[in-house]
Amino acid sequence: MASVVDICNSALNLLGASTITQLTEDSKNARLCNQRYEPIRDRTFRSHAWNCLTKRVQLAKDSAAPVVEYANQYTLPTDCLRVLKVHNGTTDSIASDIDYAVEGRKIKTDEGTIFLVYIAKITDPNEYDTYLIEALAASLAADLAYAITNNATLAKNYEATADERLREARFIDATENSLGTVESSEFTDARL
């Protein structure tokens, strides 16, 4: 059973720092983890189309239409961190491609029915892939390194380690899909 505290303690262990028992305890390490965990988690989640975080839903059309350009708008789910695909539900990939715009928490389109594939903000670490947990811990360690160690060189080294862990996690995650749906590769990641 993984927990947020376990992920934070993995990051602190990487730094050789004292571990914590809860995010709300009165210690520097707990305060830093409490402040930085969620932003690091959400940034990591948005960085890739993680299989363990992907959800598919049909959206309900809003009663109010956009002012101009599109006929309909749909509200994104509250747990949506990143839109991966919007389509009309047909199996023909060419016919399912639609014109849309993501504006704030709305999708605007002329389509009367749309389906959404997205990265969800899942907060239970037990739902995460093992590689994703390791990448989160390494990213958190890199983010906290200077604040905890006061050593810029060490902090830079942890950034490189975090990048490598994230690259490895993305690769493992992407290779679980069929060849037609691989979301990430070294080539596409290099363009980011």
C-alpha atoms as a PDB file:
ATOM      1  CA  MET A   1       0.000   0.000   0.000  1.00  0.00           C
ATOM      2  CA  ALA A   2       1.625   3.214  -1.205  1.00  0.00           C
ATOM      3  CA  SER A   3       0.758   6.573   0.294  1.00  0.00           C
ATOM      4  CA  VAL A   4       1.670  10.199  -0.309  1.00  0.00           C
ATOM      5  CA  VAL A   5       3.862  10.053   2.813  1.00  0.00           C
ATOM      6  CA  ASP A   6       5.634   6.972   1.385  1.00  0.00           C
ATOM      7  CA  ILE A   7       6.397   8.862  -1.841  1.00  0.00           C
ATOM      8  CA  CYS A   8       7.632  11.863   0.142  1.00  0.00           C
ATOM      9  CA  ASN A   9       9.794   9.610   2.312  1.00  0.00           C
ATOM     10  CA  SER A  10      11.273   7.986  -0.790  1.00  0.00           C
ATOM     11  CA  ALA A  11      12.235  11.477  -1.985  1.00  0.00           C
ATOM     12  CA  LEU A  12      13.672  12.361   1.413  1.00  0.00           C
ATOM     13  CA  ASN A  13      15.603   9.064   1.517  1.00  0.00           C
ATOM     14  CA  LEU A  14      17.153   9.873  -1.858  1.00  0.00           C
ATOM     15  CA  LEU A  15      18.385  13.127  -0.307  1.00  0.00           C
ATOM     16  CA  GLY A  16      19.627  11.453   2.880  1.00  0.00           C
ATOM     17  CA  ALA A  17      17.149  13.561   4.854  1.00  0.00           C
ATOM     18  CA  SER A  18      15.001  12.691   7.876  1.00  0.00           C
ATOM     19  CA  THR A  19      11.726  11.010   6.980  1.00  0.00           C
ATOM     20  CA  ILE A  20       8.278  12.153   8.113  1.00  0.00           C
ATOM     21  CA  THR A  21       5.236  10.411   9.594  1.00  0.00           C
ATOM     22  CA  GLN A  22       2.649  12.801   8.146  1.00  0.00           C
ATOM     23  CA  LEU A  23       2.545  15.857   5.905  1.00  0.00           C
ATOM     24  CA  THR A  24       1.145  18.038   8.688  1.00  0.00           C
ATOM     25  CA  GLU A  25       3.837  17.336  11.281  1.00  0.00           C
ATOM     26  CA  ASP A  26       5.861  20.304  12.549  1.00  0.00           C
ATOM     27  CA  SER A  27       9.136  19.751  10.698  1.00  0.00           C
ATOM     28  CA  LYS A  28      10.878  21.469   7.802  1.00  0.00           C
ATOM     29  CA  ASN A  29      10.797  18.314   5.666  1.00  0.00           C
ATOM     30  CA  ALA A  30       7.059  17.789   6.221  1.00  0.00           C
ATOM     31  CA  ARG A  31       6.275  21.423   5.414  1.00  0.00           C
ATOM     32  CA  LEU A  32       8.335  21.229   2.202  1.00  0.00           C
ATOM     33  CA  CYS A  33       6.692  17.965   1.144  1.00  0.00           C
ATOM     34  CA  ASN A  34       3.236  19.303   1.982  1.00  0.00           C
ATOM     35  CA  GLN A  35       3.876  22.434  -0.088  1.00  0.00           C
ATOM     36  CA  ARG A  36       5.533  20.798  -3.120  1.00  0.00           C
ATOM     37  CA  TYR A  37       4.019  17.311  -3.503  1.00  0.00           C
ATOM     38  CA  GLU A  38       0.787  18.275  -5.304  1.00  0.00           C
ATOM     39  CA  PRO A  39       2.367  20.698  -7.817  1.00  0.00           C
ATOM     40  CA  ILE A  40       5.084  18.143  -8.646  1.00  0.00           C
ATOM     41  CA  ARG A  41       2.482  15.358  -8.929  1.00  0.00           C
ATOM     42  CA  ASP A  42       0.230  17.381 -11.224  1.00  0.00           C
ATOM     43  CA  ARG A  43       3.138  18.524 -13.416  1.00  0.00           C
ATOM     44  CA  THR A  44       4.316  14.910 -13.743  1.00  0.00           C
ATOM     45  CA  PHE A  45       0.792  13.741 -14.557  1.00  0.00           C
ATOM     46  CA  ARG A  46       0.408  16.379 -17.296  1.00  0.00           C
ATOM     47  CA  SER A  47       3.774  15.457 -18.831  1.00  0.00           C
ATOM     48  CA  HIS A  48       2.633  12.167 -20.385  1.00  0.00           C
ATOM     49  CA  ALA A  49      -0.454  10.168 -21.316  1.00  0.00           C
ATOM     50  CA  TRP A  50      -0.098   7.761 -18.365  1.00  0.00           C
ATOM     51  CA  ASN A  51      -2.122   4.574 -18.801  1.00  0.00           C
ATOM     52  CA  CYS A  52      -2.953   4.357 -15.093  1.00  0.00           C
ATOM     53  CA  LEU A  53      -4.387   7.894 -15.118  1.00  0.00           C
ATOM     54  CA  THR A  54      -6.358   7.786 -18.382  1.00  0.00           C
ATOM     55  CA  LYS A  55     -10.146   8.057 -18.285  1.00  0.00           C
ATOM     56  CA  ARG A  56     -12.765   8.040 -21.042  1.00  0.00           C
ATOM     57  CA  VAL A  57     -16.151   9.733 -20.727  1.00  0.00           C
ATOM     58  CA  GLN A  58     -18.994  11.105 -22.782  1.00  0.00           C
ATOM     59  CA  LEU A  59     -19.527  14.762 -21.932  1.00  0.00           C
ATOM     60  CA  ALA A  60     -22.910  16.389 -21.407  1.00  0.00           C
ATOM     61  CA  LYS A  61     -23.530  19.503 -23.461  1.00  0.00           C
ATOM     62  CA  ASP A  62     -23.793  22.748 -21.487  1.00  0.00           C
ATOM     63  CA  SER A  63     -27.079  24.628 -21.726  1.00  0.00           C
ATOM     64  CA  ALA A  64     -25.254  27.862 -22.630  1.00  0.00           C
ATOM     65  CA  ALA A  65     -23.608  28.036 -26.048  1.00  0.00           C
ATOM     66  CA  PRO A  66     -20.352  29.875 -26.776  1.00  0.00           C
ATOM     67  CA  VAL A  67     -20.723  33.504 -27.863  1.00  0.00           C
ATOM     68  CA  VAL A  68     -19.019  33.040 -31.254  1.00  0.00           C
ATOM     69  CA  GLU A  69     -17.266  30.537 -33.503  1.00  0.00           C
ATOM     70  CA  TYR A  70     -18.660  27.265 -32.083  1.00  0.00           C
ATOM     71  CA  ALA A  71     -22.231  26.041 -31.593  1.00  0.00           C
ATOM     72  CA  ASN A  72     -21.750  23.999 -28.409  1.00  0.00           C
ATOM     73  CA  GLN A  73     -19.648  23.850 -25.276  1.00  0.00           C
ATOM     74  CA  TYR A  74     -18.943  21.148 -22.729  1.00  0.00           C
ATOM     75  CA  THR A  75     -17.521  21.427 -19.216  1.00  0.00           C
ATOM     76  CA  LEU A  76     -14.414  19.363 -18.512  1.00  0.00           C
ATOM     77  CA  PRO A  77     -14.620  16.858 -15.638  1.00  0.00           C
ATOM     78  CA  THR A  78     -13.372  18.297 -12.340  1.00  0.00           C
ATOM     79  CA  ASP A  79     -10.520  15.759 -12.243  1.00  0.00           C
ATOM     80  CA  CYS A  80      -9.280  16.548 -15.775  1.00  0.00           C
ATOM     81  CA  LEU A  81      -5.625  17.604 -15.791  1.00  0.00           C
ATOM     82  CA  ARG A  82      -4.946  17.216 -19.510  1.00  0.00           C
ATOM     83  CA  VAL A  83      -7.124  16.623 -22.553  1.00  0.00           C
ATOM     84  CA  LEU A  84      -5.704  13.829 -24.694  1.00  0.00           C
ATOM     85  CA  LYS A  85      -8.403  13.388 -27.325  1.00  0.00           C
ATOM     86  CA  VAL A  86     -11.852  14.697 -28.174  1.00  0.00           C
ATOM     87  CA  HIS A  87     -13.905  12.715 -30.679  1.00  0.00           C
ATOM     88  CA  ASN A  88     -17.473  12.100 -31.774  1.00  0.00           C
ATOM     89  CA  GLY A  89     -17.579   8.393 -30.973  1.00  0.00           C
ATOM     90  CA  THR A  90     -17.304   6.930 -34.466  1.00  0.00           C
ATOM     91  CA  THR A  91     -14.882   4.068 -35.029  1.00  0.00           C
ATOM     92  CA  ASP A  92     -13.497   5.607 -38.237  1.00  0.00           C
ATOM     93  CA  SER A  93     -10.466   7.579 -37.027  1.00  0.00           C
ATOM     94  CA  ILE A  94     -10.715  10.117 -39.866  1.00  0.00           C
ATOM     95  CA  ALA A  95     -14.439  10.722 -39.313  1.00  0.00           C
ATOM     96  CA  SER A  96     -13.952  10.934 -35.541  1.00  0.00           C
ATOM     97  CA  ASP A  97     -11.484  13.839 -35.791  1.00  0.00           C
ATOM     98  CA  ILE A  98     -13.372  16.995 -34.938  1.00  0.00           C
ATOM     99  CA  ASP A  99     -12.632  20.703 -34.704  1.00  0.00           C
ATOM    100  CA  TYR A 100     -12.605  21.868 -31.096  1.00  0.00           C
ATOM    101  CA  ALA A 101     -10.955  24.324 -28.731  1.00  0.00           C
ATOM    102  CA  VAL A 102     -10.113  23.897 -25.064  1.00  0.00           C
ATOM    103  CA  GLU A 103     -10.697  27.217 -23.307  1.00  0.00           C
ATOM    104  CA  GLY A 104     -10.372  27.248 -19.549  1.00  0.00           C
ATOM    105  CA  ARG A 105     -12.490  24.383 -18.217  1.00  0.00           C
ATOM    106  CA  LYS A 106     -14.627  24.195 -21.400  1.00  0.00           C
ATOM    107  CA  ILE A 107     -14.415  22.390 -24.730  1.00  0.00           C
ATOM    108  CA  LYS A 108     -16.010  24.316 -27.576  1.00  0.00           C
ATOM    109  CA  THR A 109     -17.047  22.578 -30.775  1.00  0.00           C
ATOM    110  CA  ASP A 110     -19.842  22.315 -33.339  1.00  0.00           C
ATOM    111  CA  GLU A 111     -20.412  18.639 -32.480  1.00  0.00           C
ATOM    112  CA  GLY A 112     -23.627  17.706 -30.681  1.00  0.00           C
ATOM    113  CA  THR A 113     -22.085  14.675 -28.962  1.00  0.00           C
ATOM    114  CA  ILE A 114     -18.474  14.339 -27.841  1.00  0.00           C
ATOM    115  CA  PHE A 115     -16.327  11.856 -26.006  1.00  0.00           C
ATOM    116  CA  LEU A 116     -13.241  12.786 -24.037  1.00  0.00           C
ATOM    117  CA  VAL A 117     -10.047  10.870 -23.297  1.00  0.00           C
ATOM    118  CA  TYR A 118      -8.083  12.629 -20.573  1.00  0.00           C
ATOM    119  CA  ILE A 119      -5.497  12.427 -17.822  1.00  0.00           C
ATOM    120  CA  ALA A 120      -7.288  12.419 -14.474  1.00  0.00           C
ATOM    121  CA  LYS A 121      -6.049  13.852 -11.201  1.00  0.00           C
ATOM    122  CA  ILE A 122      -6.063  10.588  -9.278  1.00  0.00           C
ATOM    123  CA  THR A 123      -4.892  11.236  -5.733  1.00  0.00           C
ATOM    124  CA  ASP A 124      -4.648   7.644  -4.458  1.00  0.00           C
ATOM    125  CA  PRO A 125      -1.047   6.460  -5.031  1.00  0.00           C
ATOM    126  CA  ASN A 126      -2.269   2.850  -4.990  1.00  0.00           C
ATOM    127  CA  GLU A 127      -3.673   3.544  -8.466  1.00  0.00           C
ATOM    128  CA  TYR A 128      -0.253   4.590  -9.832  1.00  0.00           C
ATOM    129  CA  ASP A 129       2.139   2.402 -11.764  1.00  0.00           C
ATOM    130  CA  THR A 130       5.326   1.501  -9.866  1.00  0.00           C
ATOM    131  CA  TYR A 131       7.482   3.405 -12.346  1.00  0.00           C
ATOM    132  CA  LEU A 132       5.277   6.475 -11.950  1.00  0.00           C
ATOM    133  CA  ILE A 133       5.690   6.321  -8.164  1.00  0.00           C
ATOM    134  CA  GLU A 134       9.480   6.172  -8.553  1.00  0.00           C
ATOM    135  CA  ALA A 135       9.424   9.058 -11.043  1.00  0.00           C
ATOM    136  CA  LEU A 136       7.307  11.141  -8.630  1.00  0.00           C
ATOM    137  CA  ALA A 137       9.714  10.468  -5.756  1.00  0.00           C
ATOM    138  CA  ALA A 138      12.729  11.396  -7.908  1.00  0.00           C
ATOM    139  CA  SER A 139      11.027  14.570  -9.180  1.00  0.00           C
ATOM    140  CA  LEU A 140      10.102  15.564  -5.644  1.00  0.00           C
ATOM    141  CA  ALA A 141      13.678  14.889  -4.463  1.00  0.00           C
ATOM    142  CA  ALA A 142      15.016  17.092  -7.269  1.00  0.00           C
ATOM    143  CA  ASP A 143      12.579  19.851  -6.353  1.00  0.00           C
ATOM    144  CA  LEU A 144      13.427  19.691  -2.627  1.00  0.00           C
ATOM    145  CA  ALA A 145      17.164  19.067  -3.011  1.00  0.00           C
ATOM    146  CA  TYR A 146      18.416  22.626  -2.669  1.00  0.00           C
ATOM    147  CA  ALA A 147      15.967  23.551   0.107  1.00  0.00           C
ATOM    148  CA  ILE A 148      17.059  20.532   2.163  1.00  0.00           C
ATOM    149  CA  THR A 149      20.764  20.188   1.320  1.00  0.00           C
ATOM    150  CA  ASN A 150      21.683  23.787   0.477  1.00  0.00           C
ATOM    151  CA  ASN A 151      23.967  22.302  -2.187  1.00  0.00           C
ATOM    152  CA  ALA A 152      23.395  23.551  -5.764  1.00  0.00           C
ATOM    153  CA  THR A 153      25.591  20.873  -7.336  1.00  0.00           C
ATOM    154  CA  LEU A 154      23.731  18.095  -5.565  1.00  0.00           C
ATOM    155  CA  ALA A 155      20.404  19.657  -6.575  1.00  0.00           C
ATOM    156  CA  LYS A 156      21.520  19.691 -10.232  1.00  0.00           C
ATOM    157  CA  ASN A 157      22.483  15.995  -9.981  1.00  0.00           C
ATOM    158  CA  TYR A 158      19.052  15.131  -8.610  1.00  0.00           C
ATOM    159  CA  GLU A 159      17.422  16.968 -11.528  1.00  0.00           C
ATOM    160  CA  ALA A 160      19.336  14.728 -13.946  1.00  0.00           C
ATOM    161  CA  THR A 161      18.314  11.631 -11.966  1.00  0.00           C
ATOM    162  CA  ALA A 162      14.678  12.748 -11.944  1.00  0.00           C
ATOM    163  CA  ASP A 163      14.735  13.339 -15.710  1.00  0.00           C
ATOM    164  CA  GLU A 164      16.125   9.832 -16.251  1.00  0.00           C
ATOM    165  CA  ARG A 165      13.510   8.217 -13.985  1.00  0.00           C
ATOM    166  CA  LEU A 166      10.737  10.122 -15.734  1.00  0.00           C
ATOM    167  CA  ARG A 167      12.035   9.128 -19.177  1.00  0.00           C
ATOM    168  CA  GLU A 168      12.196   5.476 -18.116  1.00  0.00           C
ATOM    169  CA  ALA A 169       8.677   5.576 -16.626  1.00  0.00           C
ATOM    170  CA  ARG A 170       7.271   7.173 -19.797  1.00  0.00           C
ATOM    171  CA  PHE A 171       8.952   4.558 -21.972  1.00  0.00           C
ATOM    172  CA  ILE A 172       7.648   1.619 -19.928  1.00  0.00           C
ATOM    173  CA  ASP A 173       4.172   3.148 -19.823  1.00  0.00           C
ATOM    174  CA  ALA A 174       4.081   3.906 -23.552  1.00  0.00           C
ATOM    175  CA  THR A 175       5.229   0.437 -24.591  1.00  0.00           C
ATOM    176  CA  GLU A 176       2.235  -1.173 -22.901  1.00  0.00           C
ATOM    177  CA  ASN A 177      -0.019   0.217 -25.635  1.00  0.00           C
ATOM    178  CA  SER A 178      -0.460  -1.326 -29.051  1.00  0.00           C
ATOM    179  CA  LEU A 179       1.831   0.095 -31.704  1.00  0.00           C
ATOM    180  CA  GLY A 180      -0.965   2.228 -33.133  1.00  0.00           C
ATOM    181  CA  THR A 181      -1.541   4.064 -29.851  1.00  0.00           C
ATOM    182  CA  VAL A 182       1.948   4.620 -28.451  1.00  0.00           C
ATOM    183  CA  GLU A 183       1.731   8.066 -26.884  1.00  0.00           C
ATOM    184  CA  SER A 184       5.378   8.767 -26.212  1.00  0.00           C
ATOM    185  CA  SER A 185       8.759   8.054 -27.708  1.00  0.00           C
ATOM    186  CA  GLU A 186      12.244   9.405 -27.474  1.00  0.00           C
ATOM    187  CA  PHE A 187      11.570  11.333 -30.692  1.00  0.00           C
ATOM    188  CA  THR A 188       8.318  12.932 -29.524  1.00  0.00           C
ATOM    189  CA  ASP A 189       9.690  13.597 -26.033  1.00  0.00           C
ATOM    190  CA  ALA A 190      12.704  15.381 -27.568  1.00  0.00           C
ATOM    191  CA  ARG A 191      10.341  17.833 -29.245  1.00  0.00           C
ATOM    192  CA  LEU A 192       8.877  18.934 -25.906  1.00  0.00           C
END
